Amino acid sequence: MKLTPLICTIAAAAIATIAQAEPEKTKPYELKNRSTFTGGDDSRIPFWPIGFQRPGKSGGTVSAPAAVASKIQLEPRHFNVTSILLGNPALATINGRSFTEGEVLPVIFGSERLRVVVNRIGDGFVTLGYEGHEIQVSMRRAELGVKQAQAQTKQPEFVIQIGSPAAK
């Protein structure tokens, strides 16, 4: 017990001695090469998302591909919902592939990729969202004894083709 005040006194004396010593004079840091980024008006800013296009100088005009995509009207006949599993998470089979709520469908119209999102999966229907509009696709049940022959082409990735291609 008598040792604790002695250790505190020695520690305080050591700190006071260190505080009284003059610090060494160090030379301030000099920057030799300053990095810069010089991008032209047409270059992409590296911190923006990939695919983001700079708005036009005339006050935010929309680029041509986005203007074409906004004229596309999605219809329930473009999608084939064959099964729905209500659970956590809910699953819907759309055009032969399973999707959950919030997933983006790989839809291609002509040569444009569209961002179609599964908003809601309900009992017997799926609600899809595209550019602020929603469409409701009901589940189609196959008739007994009737086989649906679909011509399937081998593609490197799963995509949903709608509409007629622009130039083929």
N, C-alpha and C. Protein backbone atom coordinates (compact mmCIF):
# COMPACT_ATOMS: atom_id res chain seq x y z
N MET A 1 0.81 -1.19 0.00
CA MET A 1 0.00 0.00 0.00
C MET A 1 0.86 1.26 0.00
N LYS A 2 2.02 1.24 0.64
CA LYS A 2 2.88 2.41 0.68
C LYS A 2 3.62 2.57 -0.65
N LEU A 3 3.63 1.56 -1.45
CA LEU A 3 4.35 1.57 -2.71
C LEU A 3 3.60 2.39 -3.77
N THR A 4 2.29 2.46 -3.75
CA THR A 4 1.49 3.15 -4.75
C THR A 4 1.78 4.65 -4.77
N PRO A 5 1.82 5.38 -3.64
CA PRO A 5 2.15 6.81 -3.71
C PRO A 5 3.57 7.05 -4.24
N LEU A 6 4.50 6.15 -3.94
CA LEU A 6 5.86 6.29 -4.41
C LEU A 6 5.92 6.17 -5.93
N ILE A 7 5.18 5.23 -6.53
CA ILE A 7 5.16 5.04 -7.98
C ILE A 7 4.52 6.25 -8.65
N CYS A 8 3.45 6.78 -8.07
CA CYS A 8 2.79 7.96 -8.63
C CYS A 8 3.72 9.16 -8.61
N THR A 9 4.52 9.33 -7.55
CA THR A 9 5.45 10.46 -7.45
C THR A 9 6.55 10.34 -8.49
N ILE A 10 7.07 9.14 -8.68
CA ILE A 10 8.13 8.93 -9.67
C ILE A 10 7.58 9.18 -11.09
N ALA A 11 6.37 8.72 -11.38
CA ALA A 11 5.77 8.92 -12.70
C ALA A 11 5.53 10.39 -12.97
N ALA A 12 5.07 11.16 -11.96
CA ALA A 12 4.83 12.59 -12.13
C ALA A 12 6.13 13.33 -12.37
N ALA A 13 7.22 12.93 -11.68
CA ALA A 13 8.52 13.56 -11.88
C ALA A 13 9.04 13.28 -13.28
N ALA A 14 8.83 12.06 -13.79
CA ALA A 14 9.29 11.72 -15.13
C ALA A 14 8.52 12.51 -16.19
N ILE A 15 7.25 12.69 -16.01
CA ILE A 15 6.44 13.45 -16.97
C ILE A 15 6.86 14.92 -16.96
N ALA A 16 7.13 15.46 -15.78
CA ALA A 16 7.56 16.86 -15.69
C ALA A 16 8.91 17.06 -16.35
N THR A 17 9.83 16.10 -16.23
CA THR A 17 11.14 16.20 -16.85
C THR A 17 11.02 16.16 -18.37
N ILE A 18 10.18 15.29 -18.89
CA ILE A 18 9.97 15.18 -20.34
C ILE A 18 9.34 16.45 -20.88
N ALA A 19 8.39 17.04 -20.12
CA ALA A 19 7.70 18.24 -20.58
C ALA A 19 8.64 19.44 -20.63
N GLN A 20 9.67 19.48 -19.77
CA GLN A 20 10.58 20.62 -19.73
C GLN A 20 11.64 20.54 -20.83
N ALA A 21 11.89 19.35 -21.37
CA ALA A 21 12.91 19.21 -22.42
C ALA A 21 12.43 19.91 -23.68
N GLU A 22 13.36 20.54 -24.39
CA GLU A 22 13.01 21.26 -25.61
C GLU A 22 12.78 20.28 -26.74
N PRO A 23 11.69 20.45 -27.49
CA PRO A 23 11.47 19.55 -28.62
C PRO A 23 12.43 19.87 -29.76
N GLU A 24 12.72 18.86 -30.55
CA GLU A 24 13.61 19.05 -31.68
C GLU A 24 12.90 19.89 -32.74
N LYS A 25 13.67 20.76 -33.38
CA LYS A 25 13.11 21.56 -34.46
C LYS A 25 13.11 20.70 -35.72
N THR A 26 11.92 20.47 -36.27
CA THR A 26 11.81 19.68 -37.49
C THR A 26 11.47 20.59 -38.66
N LYS A 27 11.95 20.19 -39.78
CA LYS A 27 11.71 20.94 -40.99
C LYS A 27 10.27 20.67 -41.46
N PRO A 28 9.52 21.70 -41.85
CA PRO A 28 8.16 21.45 -42.31
C PRO A 28 8.15 20.65 -43.61
N TYR A 29 7.07 19.91 -43.83
CA TYR A 29 6.94 19.06 -45.01
C TYR A 29 6.71 19.92 -46.25
N GLU A 30 7.45 19.61 -47.29
CA GLU A 30 7.28 20.31 -48.56
C GLU A 30 6.75 19.32 -49.59
N LEU A 31 5.65 19.66 -50.21
CA LEU A 31 5.04 18.81 -51.23
C LEU A 31 5.78 19.02 -52.55
N LYS A 32 6.29 17.93 -53.12
CA LYS A 32 7.07 18.04 -54.35
C LYS A 32 6.19 17.97 -55.59
N ASN A 33 5.33 16.98 -55.66
CA ASN A 33 4.45 16.81 -56.83
C ASN A 33 3.01 16.84 -56.36
N ARG A 34 2.23 17.78 -56.84
CA ARG A 34 0.82 17.87 -56.49
C ARG A 34 0.02 17.16 -57.58
N SER A 35 -0.83 16.20 -57.19
CA SER A 35 -1.62 15.47 -58.17
C SER A 35 -2.81 16.31 -58.61
N THR A 36 -3.16 16.19 -59.88
CA THR A 36 -4.29 16.93 -60.43
C THR A 36 -5.09 16.01 -61.33
N PHE A 37 -6.33 16.38 -61.56
CA PHE A 37 -7.19 15.68 -62.51
C PHE A 37 -7.68 16.70 -63.51
N THR A 38 -7.30 16.51 -64.76
CA THR A 38 -7.75 17.43 -65.81
C THR A 38 -8.59 16.63 -66.79
N GLY A 39 -9.88 16.69 -66.62
CA GLY A 39 -10.79 15.99 -67.51
C GLY A 39 -11.51 17.00 -68.37
N GLY A 40 -11.71 16.64 -69.62
CA GLY A 40 -12.42 17.52 -70.52
C GLY A 40 -13.91 17.51 -70.23
N ASP A 41 -14.65 18.28 -71.01
CA ASP A 41 -16.10 18.33 -70.82
C ASP A 41 -16.77 17.00 -71.19
N ASP A 42 -16.13 16.22 -72.05
CA ASP A 42 -16.74 14.97 -72.50
C ASP A 42 -16.32 13.77 -71.66
N SER A 43 -15.34 13.92 -70.78
CA SER A 43 -14.86 12.77 -70.01
C SER A 43 -15.79 12.48 -68.84
N ARG A 44 -15.77 11.23 -68.40
CA ARG A 44 -16.60 10.80 -67.27
C ARG A 44 -15.87 11.06 -65.97
N ILE A 45 -16.54 11.64 -65.02
CA ILE A 45 -15.96 11.87 -63.70
C ILE A 45 -15.84 10.51 -63.01
N PRO A 46 -14.65 10.14 -62.50
CA PRO A 46 -14.45 8.78 -62.02
C PRO A 46 -15.26 8.41 -60.78
N PHE A 47 -15.82 9.38 -60.07
CA PHE A 47 -16.56 9.07 -58.86
C PHE A 47 -18.05 8.91 -59.11
N TRP A 48 -18.52 9.20 -60.32
CA TRP A 48 -19.93 9.03 -60.67
C TRP A 48 -20.19 7.58 -61.02
N PRO A 49 -21.43 7.12 -60.91
CA PRO A 49 -21.75 5.73 -61.27
C PRO A 49 -21.49 5.46 -62.75
N ILE A 50 -21.16 4.23 -63.06
CA ILE A 50 -20.92 3.85 -64.44
C ILE A 50 -22.23 3.96 -65.21
N GLY A 51 -22.18 4.57 -66.37
CA GLY A 51 -23.36 4.75 -67.20
C GLY A 51 -24.04 6.08 -66.98
N PHE A 52 -23.68 6.81 -65.93
CA PHE A 52 -24.28 8.11 -65.69
C PHE A 52 -23.75 9.10 -66.71
N GLN A 53 -24.66 9.83 -67.33
CA GLN A 53 -24.24 10.79 -68.34
C GLN A 53 -24.45 12.19 -67.81
N ARG A 54 -23.52 13.03 -68.11
CA ARG A 54 -23.58 14.42 -67.69
C ARG A 54 -24.73 15.11 -68.42
N PRO A 55 -25.58 15.86 -67.71
CA PRO A 55 -26.67 16.56 -68.38
C PRO A 55 -26.12 17.59 -69.37
N GLY A 56 -26.90 17.86 -70.41
CA GLY A 56 -26.47 18.82 -71.42
C GLY A 56 -26.32 20.22 -70.87
N LYS A 57 -25.61 21.07 -71.59
CA LYS A 57 -25.36 22.44 -71.13
C LYS A 57 -26.61 23.30 -71.20
N SER A 58 -27.66 22.82 -71.88
CA SER A 58 -28.87 23.62 -72.02
C SER A 58 -29.82 23.43 -70.84
N GLY A 59 -29.34 22.91 -69.75
CA GLY A 59 -30.16 22.82 -68.55
C GLY A 59 -30.73 21.44 -68.29
N GLY A 60 -29.94 20.38 -68.49
CA GLY A 60 -30.37 19.04 -68.10
C GLY A 60 -31.25 18.35 -69.12
N THR A 61 -30.89 18.34 -70.36
CA THR A 61 -31.66 17.63 -71.35
C THR A 61 -31.43 16.13 -71.21
N VAL A 62 -32.39 15.35 -71.62
CA VAL A 62 -32.30 13.91 -71.50
C VAL A 62 -31.63 13.37 -72.75
N SER A 63 -30.76 12.36 -72.56
CA SER A 63 -30.06 11.79 -73.70
C SER A 63 -31.02 10.98 -74.57
N ALA A 64 -30.63 10.68 -75.78
CA ALA A 64 -31.50 10.02 -76.76
C ALA A 64 -31.95 8.62 -76.33
N PRO A 65 -31.06 7.73 -75.80
CA PRO A 65 -31.54 6.39 -75.42
C PRO A 65 -32.62 6.43 -74.33
N ALA A 66 -32.51 7.35 -73.37
CA ALA A 66 -33.51 7.43 -72.31
C ALA A 66 -34.84 7.93 -72.88
N ALA A 67 -34.80 8.82 -73.88
CA ALA A 67 -36.03 9.33 -74.48
C ALA A 67 -36.74 8.22 -75.24
N VAL A 68 -35.98 7.34 -75.91
CA VAL A 68 -36.59 6.23 -76.64
C VAL A 68 -37.19 5.24 -75.66
N ALA A 69 -36.48 4.97 -74.55
CA ALA A 69 -36.94 3.99 -73.58
C ALA A 69 -38.22 4.44 -72.89
N SER A 70 -38.44 5.76 -72.72
CA SER A 70 -39.62 6.22 -72.02
C SER A 70 -40.88 6.03 -72.86
N LYS A 71 -40.77 5.85 -74.18
CA LYS A 71 -41.93 5.66 -75.04
C LYS A 71 -42.39 4.20 -75.06
N ILE A 72 -41.64 3.30 -74.47
CA ILE A 72 -41.96 1.88 -74.48
C ILE A 72 -43.09 1.61 -73.49
N GLN A 73 -44.13 0.94 -73.96
CA GLN A 73 -45.24 0.57 -73.11
C GLN A 73 -45.16 -0.92 -72.81
N LEU A 74 -44.93 -1.26 -71.56
CA LEU A 74 -44.90 -2.67 -71.17
C LEU A 74 -46.32 -3.15 -70.95
N GLU A 75 -46.58 -4.37 -71.38
CA GLU A 75 -47.91 -4.95 -71.24
C GLU A 75 -47.79 -6.30 -70.53
N PRO A 76 -48.86 -6.73 -69.86
CA PRO A 76 -48.79 -8.02 -69.17
C PRO A 76 -48.52 -9.20 -70.10
N ARG A 77 -48.85 -9.08 -71.39
CA ARG A 77 -48.62 -10.19 -72.32
C ARG A 77 -47.14 -10.43 -72.59
N HIS A 78 -46.28 -9.45 -72.26
CA HIS A 78 -44.84 -9.61 -72.45
C HIS A 78 -44.22 -10.57 -71.43
N PHE A 79 -44.93 -10.82 -70.35
CA PHE A 79 -44.39 -11.63 -69.26
C PHE A 79 -45.28 -12.83 -69.02
N ASN A 80 -44.68 -13.96 -68.65
CA ASN A 80 -45.40 -15.19 -68.40
C ASN A 80 -45.09 -15.65 -66.97
N VAL A 81 -46.02 -15.39 -66.06
CA VAL A 81 -45.87 -15.81 -64.66
C VAL A 81 -46.49 -17.19 -64.53
N THR A 82 -45.66 -18.19 -64.23
CA THR A 82 -46.16 -19.56 -64.18
C THR A 82 -46.34 -20.10 -62.77
N SER A 83 -45.59 -19.58 -61.80
CA SER A 83 -45.78 -20.06 -60.43
C SER A 83 -45.40 -18.98 -59.44
N ILE A 84 -46.05 -19.04 -58.28
CA ILE A 84 -45.80 -18.07 -57.21
C ILE A 84 -45.69 -18.84 -55.90
N LEU A 85 -44.66 -18.52 -55.13
CA LEU A 85 -44.46 -19.13 -53.82
C LEU A 85 -44.51 -18.00 -52.80
N LEU A 86 -45.58 -17.98 -51.99
CA LEU A 86 -45.71 -16.95 -50.97
C LEU A 86 -45.01 -17.43 -49.71
N GLY A 87 -44.02 -16.76 -49.30
CA GLY A 87 -43.25 -17.13 -48.12
C GLY A 87 -42.32 -15.99 -47.77
N ASN A 88 -41.27 -16.31 -47.09
CA ASN A 88 -40.29 -15.29 -46.77
C ASN A 88 -38.93 -15.75 -47.27
N PRO A 89 -38.45 -15.31 -48.39
CA PRO A 89 -38.99 -14.31 -49.30
C PRO A 89 -39.97 -14.95 -50.29
N ALA A 90 -40.86 -14.12 -50.82
CA ALA A 90 -41.80 -14.59 -51.83
C ALA A 90 -41.07 -14.74 -53.16
N LEU A 91 -41.40 -15.80 -53.90
CA LEU A 91 -40.76 -16.07 -55.19
C LEU A 91 -41.81 -16.16 -56.27
N ALA A 92 -41.47 -15.67 -57.46
CA ALA A 92 -42.35 -15.78 -58.62
C ALA A 92 -41.51 -16.25 -59.80
N THR A 93 -42.04 -17.21 -60.56
CA THR A 93 -41.35 -17.67 -61.76
C THR A 93 -41.89 -16.87 -62.93
N ILE A 94 -41.03 -16.03 -63.50
CA ILE A 94 -41.40 -15.16 -64.61
C ILE A 94 -40.56 -15.56 -65.81
N ASN A 95 -41.22 -15.97 -66.87
CA ASN A 95 -40.56 -16.42 -68.10
C ASN A 95 -39.52 -17.50 -67.82
N GLY A 96 -39.83 -18.41 -66.91
CA GLY A 96 -38.98 -19.56 -66.66
C GLY A 96 -37.86 -19.34 -65.66
N ARG A 97 -37.82 -18.21 -64.99
CA ARG A 97 -36.78 -17.96 -64.00
C ARG A 97 -37.38 -17.33 -62.74
N SER A 98 -36.86 -17.71 -61.58
CA SER A 98 -37.42 -17.24 -60.31
C SER A 98 -36.85 -15.88 -59.92
N PHE A 99 -37.73 -15.01 -59.41
CA PHE A 99 -37.36 -13.68 -58.96
C PHE A 99 -38.02 -13.40 -57.61
N THR A 100 -37.37 -12.56 -56.80
CA THR A 100 -37.95 -12.11 -55.54
C THR A 100 -38.30 -10.64 -55.66
N GLU A 101 -38.98 -10.11 -54.64
CA GLU A 101 -39.34 -8.69 -54.66
C GLU A 101 -38.07 -7.85 -54.61
N GLY A 102 -38.03 -6.83 -55.46
CA GLY A 102 -36.88 -5.93 -55.51
C GLY A 102 -35.85 -6.29 -56.57
N GLU A 103 -35.94 -7.48 -57.16
CA GLU A 103 -34.99 -7.87 -58.20
C GLU A 103 -35.34 -7.19 -59.52
N VAL A 104 -34.31 -7.00 -60.35
CA VAL A 104 -34.48 -6.38 -61.65
C VAL A 104 -34.51 -7.48 -62.71
N LEU A 105 -35.53 -7.43 -63.57
CA LEU A 105 -35.66 -8.40 -64.66
C LEU A 105 -34.77 -7.97 -65.82
N PRO A 106 -34.10 -8.91 -66.48
CA PRO A 106 -33.24 -8.57 -67.61
C PRO A 106 -34.06 -8.43 -68.90
N VAL A 107 -34.73 -7.29 -69.06
CA VAL A 107 -35.62 -7.07 -70.20
C VAL A 107 -34.86 -6.27 -71.26
N ILE A 108 -34.97 -6.74 -72.52
CA ILE A 108 -34.35 -6.05 -73.64
C ILE A 108 -35.44 -5.74 -74.66
N PHE A 109 -35.56 -4.48 -75.05
CA PHE A 109 -36.48 -4.05 -76.09
C PHE A 109 -35.66 -3.55 -77.25
N GLY A 110 -35.62 -4.33 -78.34
CA GLY A 110 -34.76 -3.99 -79.47
C GLY A 110 -33.31 -4.12 -79.05
N SER A 111 -32.61 -3.00 -78.96
CA SER A 111 -31.22 -3.02 -78.50
C SER A 111 -31.06 -2.33 -77.15
N GLU A 112 -32.17 -1.91 -76.54
CA GLU A 112 -32.13 -1.18 -75.27
C GLU A 112 -32.41 -2.11 -74.10
N ARG A 113 -31.65 -1.96 -73.02
CA ARG A 113 -31.93 -2.68 -71.77
C ARG A 113 -32.86 -1.83 -70.93
N LEU A 114 -33.92 -2.45 -70.42
CA LEU A 114 -34.89 -1.74 -69.60
C LEU A 114 -34.74 -2.17 -68.15
N ARG A 115 -35.04 -1.27 -67.23
CA ARG A 115 -34.96 -1.56 -65.81
C ARG A 115 -36.37 -1.83 -65.29
N VAL A 116 -36.76 -3.10 -65.31
CA VAL A 116 -38.07 -3.53 -64.84
C VAL A 116 -37.86 -4.23 -63.50
N VAL A 117 -38.52 -3.74 -62.46
CA VAL A 117 -38.31 -4.23 -61.09
C VAL A 117 -39.56 -4.96 -60.61
N VAL A 118 -39.36 -6.07 -59.90
CA VAL A 118 -40.47 -6.79 -59.28
C VAL A 118 -40.82 -6.03 -57.99
N ASN A 119 -41.95 -5.30 -58.03
CA ASN A 119 -42.34 -4.51 -56.87
C ASN A 119 -43.05 -5.33 -55.80
N ARG A 120 -43.98 -6.20 -56.23
CA ARG A 120 -44.77 -6.94 -55.26
C ARG A 120 -45.14 -8.29 -55.83
N ILE A 121 -45.11 -9.31 -54.98
CA ILE A 121 -45.57 -10.64 -55.35
C ILE A 121 -46.75 -10.97 -54.46
N GLY A 122 -47.92 -11.15 -55.07
CA GLY A 122 -49.13 -11.44 -54.32
C GLY A 122 -49.70 -12.80 -54.70
N ASP A 123 -50.87 -13.11 -54.17
CA ASP A 123 -51.52 -14.39 -54.44
C ASP A 123 -52.13 -14.37 -55.84
N GLY A 124 -51.42 -14.96 -56.80
CA GLY A 124 -51.94 -15.05 -58.16
C GLY A 124 -51.52 -13.92 -59.08
N PHE A 125 -50.70 -12.98 -58.61
CA PHE A 125 -50.27 -11.88 -59.47
C PHE A 125 -48.90 -11.36 -59.05
N VAL A 126 -48.27 -10.66 -59.96
CA VAL A 126 -46.99 -10.00 -59.72
C VAL A 126 -47.11 -8.57 -60.22
N THR A 127 -46.63 -7.61 -59.43
CA THR A 127 -46.64 -6.22 -59.84
C THR A 127 -45.23 -5.83 -60.24
N LEU A 128 -45.08 -5.37 -61.49
CA LEU A 128 -43.79 -4.95 -62.02
C LEU A 128 -43.77 -3.45 -62.18
N GLY A 129 -42.64 -2.83 -61.91
CA GLY A 129 -42.50 -1.39 -62.03
C GLY A 129 -41.50 -1.02 -63.10
N TYR A 130 -41.84 0.01 -63.88
CA TYR A 130 -40.94 0.50 -64.93
C TYR A 130 -41.15 1.99 -65.09
N GLU A 131 -40.13 2.77 -64.77
CA GLU A 131 -40.13 4.24 -64.89
C GLU A 131 -41.35 4.87 -64.24
N GLY A 132 -41.65 4.48 -63.02
CA GLY A 132 -42.75 5.08 -62.27
C GLY A 132 -44.12 4.49 -62.56
N HIS A 133 -44.24 3.64 -63.56
CA HIS A 133 -45.51 2.99 -63.89
C HIS A 133 -45.48 1.56 -63.38
N GLU A 134 -46.65 1.09 -62.99
CA GLU A 134 -46.75 -0.28 -62.53
C GLU A 134 -47.71 -1.06 -63.42
N ILE A 135 -47.35 -2.30 -63.69
CA ILE A 135 -48.26 -3.19 -64.41
C ILE A 135 -48.44 -4.44 -63.56
N GLN A 136 -49.64 -4.99 -63.61
CA GLN A 136 -49.94 -6.18 -62.84
C GLN A 136 -50.08 -7.35 -63.81
N VAL A 137 -49.30 -8.38 -63.57
CA VAL A 137 -49.30 -9.57 -64.42
C VAL A 137 -49.91 -10.71 -63.62
N SER A 138 -50.99 -11.27 -64.15
CA SER A 138 -51.65 -12.39 -63.47
C SER A 138 -50.96 -13.70 -63.84
N MET A 139 -51.07 -14.65 -62.94
CA MET A 139 -50.45 -15.94 -63.17
C MET A 139 -51.27 -16.71 -64.21
N ARG A 140 -50.57 -17.29 -65.18
CA ARG A 140 -51.22 -18.10 -66.20
C ARG A 140 -51.07 -19.56 -65.83
N ARG A 141 -52.19 -20.24 -65.87
CA ARG A 141 -52.16 -21.67 -65.57
C ARG A 141 -52.31 -22.42 -66.89
N ALA A 142 -51.44 -23.39 -67.10
CA ALA A 142 -51.49 -24.17 -68.33
C ALA A 142 -52.70 -25.10 -68.30
N GLU A 143 -53.34 -25.23 -69.44
CA GLU A 143 -54.49 -26.12 -69.57
C GLU A 143 -54.00 -27.57 -69.59
N LEU A 144 -54.80 -28.47 -69.08
CA LEU A 144 -54.44 -29.87 -69.07
C LEU A 144 -54.49 -30.44 -70.48
N GLY A 145 -53.54 -31.27 -70.84
CA GLY A 145 -53.52 -31.93 -72.12
C GLY A 145 -52.97 -31.06 -73.25
N VAL A 146 -52.65 -29.83 -72.97
CA VAL A 146 -52.13 -28.95 -74.01
C VAL A 146 -50.68 -28.64 -73.68
N LYS A 147 -49.80 -28.98 -74.60
CA LYS A 147 -48.38 -28.67 -74.39
C LYS A 147 -48.06 -27.37 -75.10
N GLN A 148 -47.39 -26.50 -74.38
CA GLN A 148 -46.99 -25.24 -74.97
C GLN A 148 -45.58 -25.39 -75.50
N ALA A 149 -45.45 -25.34 -76.82
CA ALA A 149 -44.13 -25.46 -77.44
C ALA A 149 -43.57 -24.06 -77.62
N GLN A 150 -42.48 -23.82 -76.96
CA GLN A 150 -41.81 -22.53 -77.08
C GLN A 150 -40.45 -22.75 -77.71
N ALA A 151 -40.18 -21.96 -78.72
CA ALA A 151 -38.87 -22.04 -79.38
C ALA A 151 -37.86 -21.34 -78.51
N GLN A 152 -36.96 -22.12 -77.95
CA GLN A 152 -35.94 -21.54 -77.08
C GLN A 152 -34.62 -21.54 -77.81
N THR A 153 -34.00 -20.38 -77.86
CA THR A 153 -32.69 -20.25 -78.48
C THR A 153 -31.65 -20.19 -77.38
N LYS A 154 -30.49 -20.71 -77.67
CA LYS A 154 -29.40 -20.69 -76.70
C LYS A 154 -28.79 -19.30 -76.66
N GLN A 155 -28.81 -18.68 -75.50
CA GLN A 155 -28.22 -17.37 -75.31
C GLN A 155 -27.22 -17.46 -74.18
N PRO A 156 -26.18 -16.63 -74.23
CA PRO A 156 -25.17 -16.71 -73.18
C PRO A 156 -25.70 -16.30 -71.81
N GLU A 157 -26.75 -15.47 -71.75
CA GLU A 157 -27.32 -15.05 -70.48
C GLU A 157 -28.83 -15.03 -70.60
N PHE A 158 -29.53 -15.06 -69.48
CA PHE A 158 -30.98 -15.04 -69.47
C PHE A 158 -31.46 -13.63 -69.69
N VAL A 159 -32.24 -13.41 -70.74
CA VAL A 159 -32.85 -12.11 -71.01
C VAL A 159 -34.29 -12.33 -71.45
N ILE A 160 -35.12 -11.33 -71.28
CA ILE A 160 -36.50 -11.36 -71.73
C ILE A 160 -36.60 -10.41 -72.91
N GLN A 161 -36.82 -10.95 -74.10
CA GLN A 161 -36.93 -10.13 -75.31
C GLN A 161 -38.39 -9.75 -75.49
N ILE A 162 -38.65 -8.45 -75.65
CA ILE A 162 -40.01 -7.99 -75.94
C ILE A 162 -39.94 -7.11 -77.16
N GLY A 163 -41.05 -6.99 -77.85
CA GLY A 163 -41.10 -6.11 -79.02
C GLY A 163 -40.30 -6.68 -80.17
N SER A 164 -40.29 -5.96 -81.27
CA SER A 164 -39.52 -6.39 -82.43
C SER A 164 -38.21 -5.64 -82.45
N PRO A 165 -37.12 -6.34 -82.75
CA PRO A 165 -35.83 -5.67 -82.83
C PRO A 165 -35.84 -4.58 -83.90
N ALA A 166 -35.12 -3.52 -83.67
CA ALA A 166 -35.13 -2.37 -84.58
C ALA A 166 -34.51 -2.71 -85.91
N ALA A 167 -33.36 -3.34 -85.92
CA ALA A 167 -32.69 -3.63 -87.19
C ALA A 167 -32.15 -5.04 -87.16
N LYS A 168 -32.75 -5.92 -87.93
CA LYS A 168 -32.26 -7.31 -88.04
C LYS A 168 -32.21 -7.72 -89.46
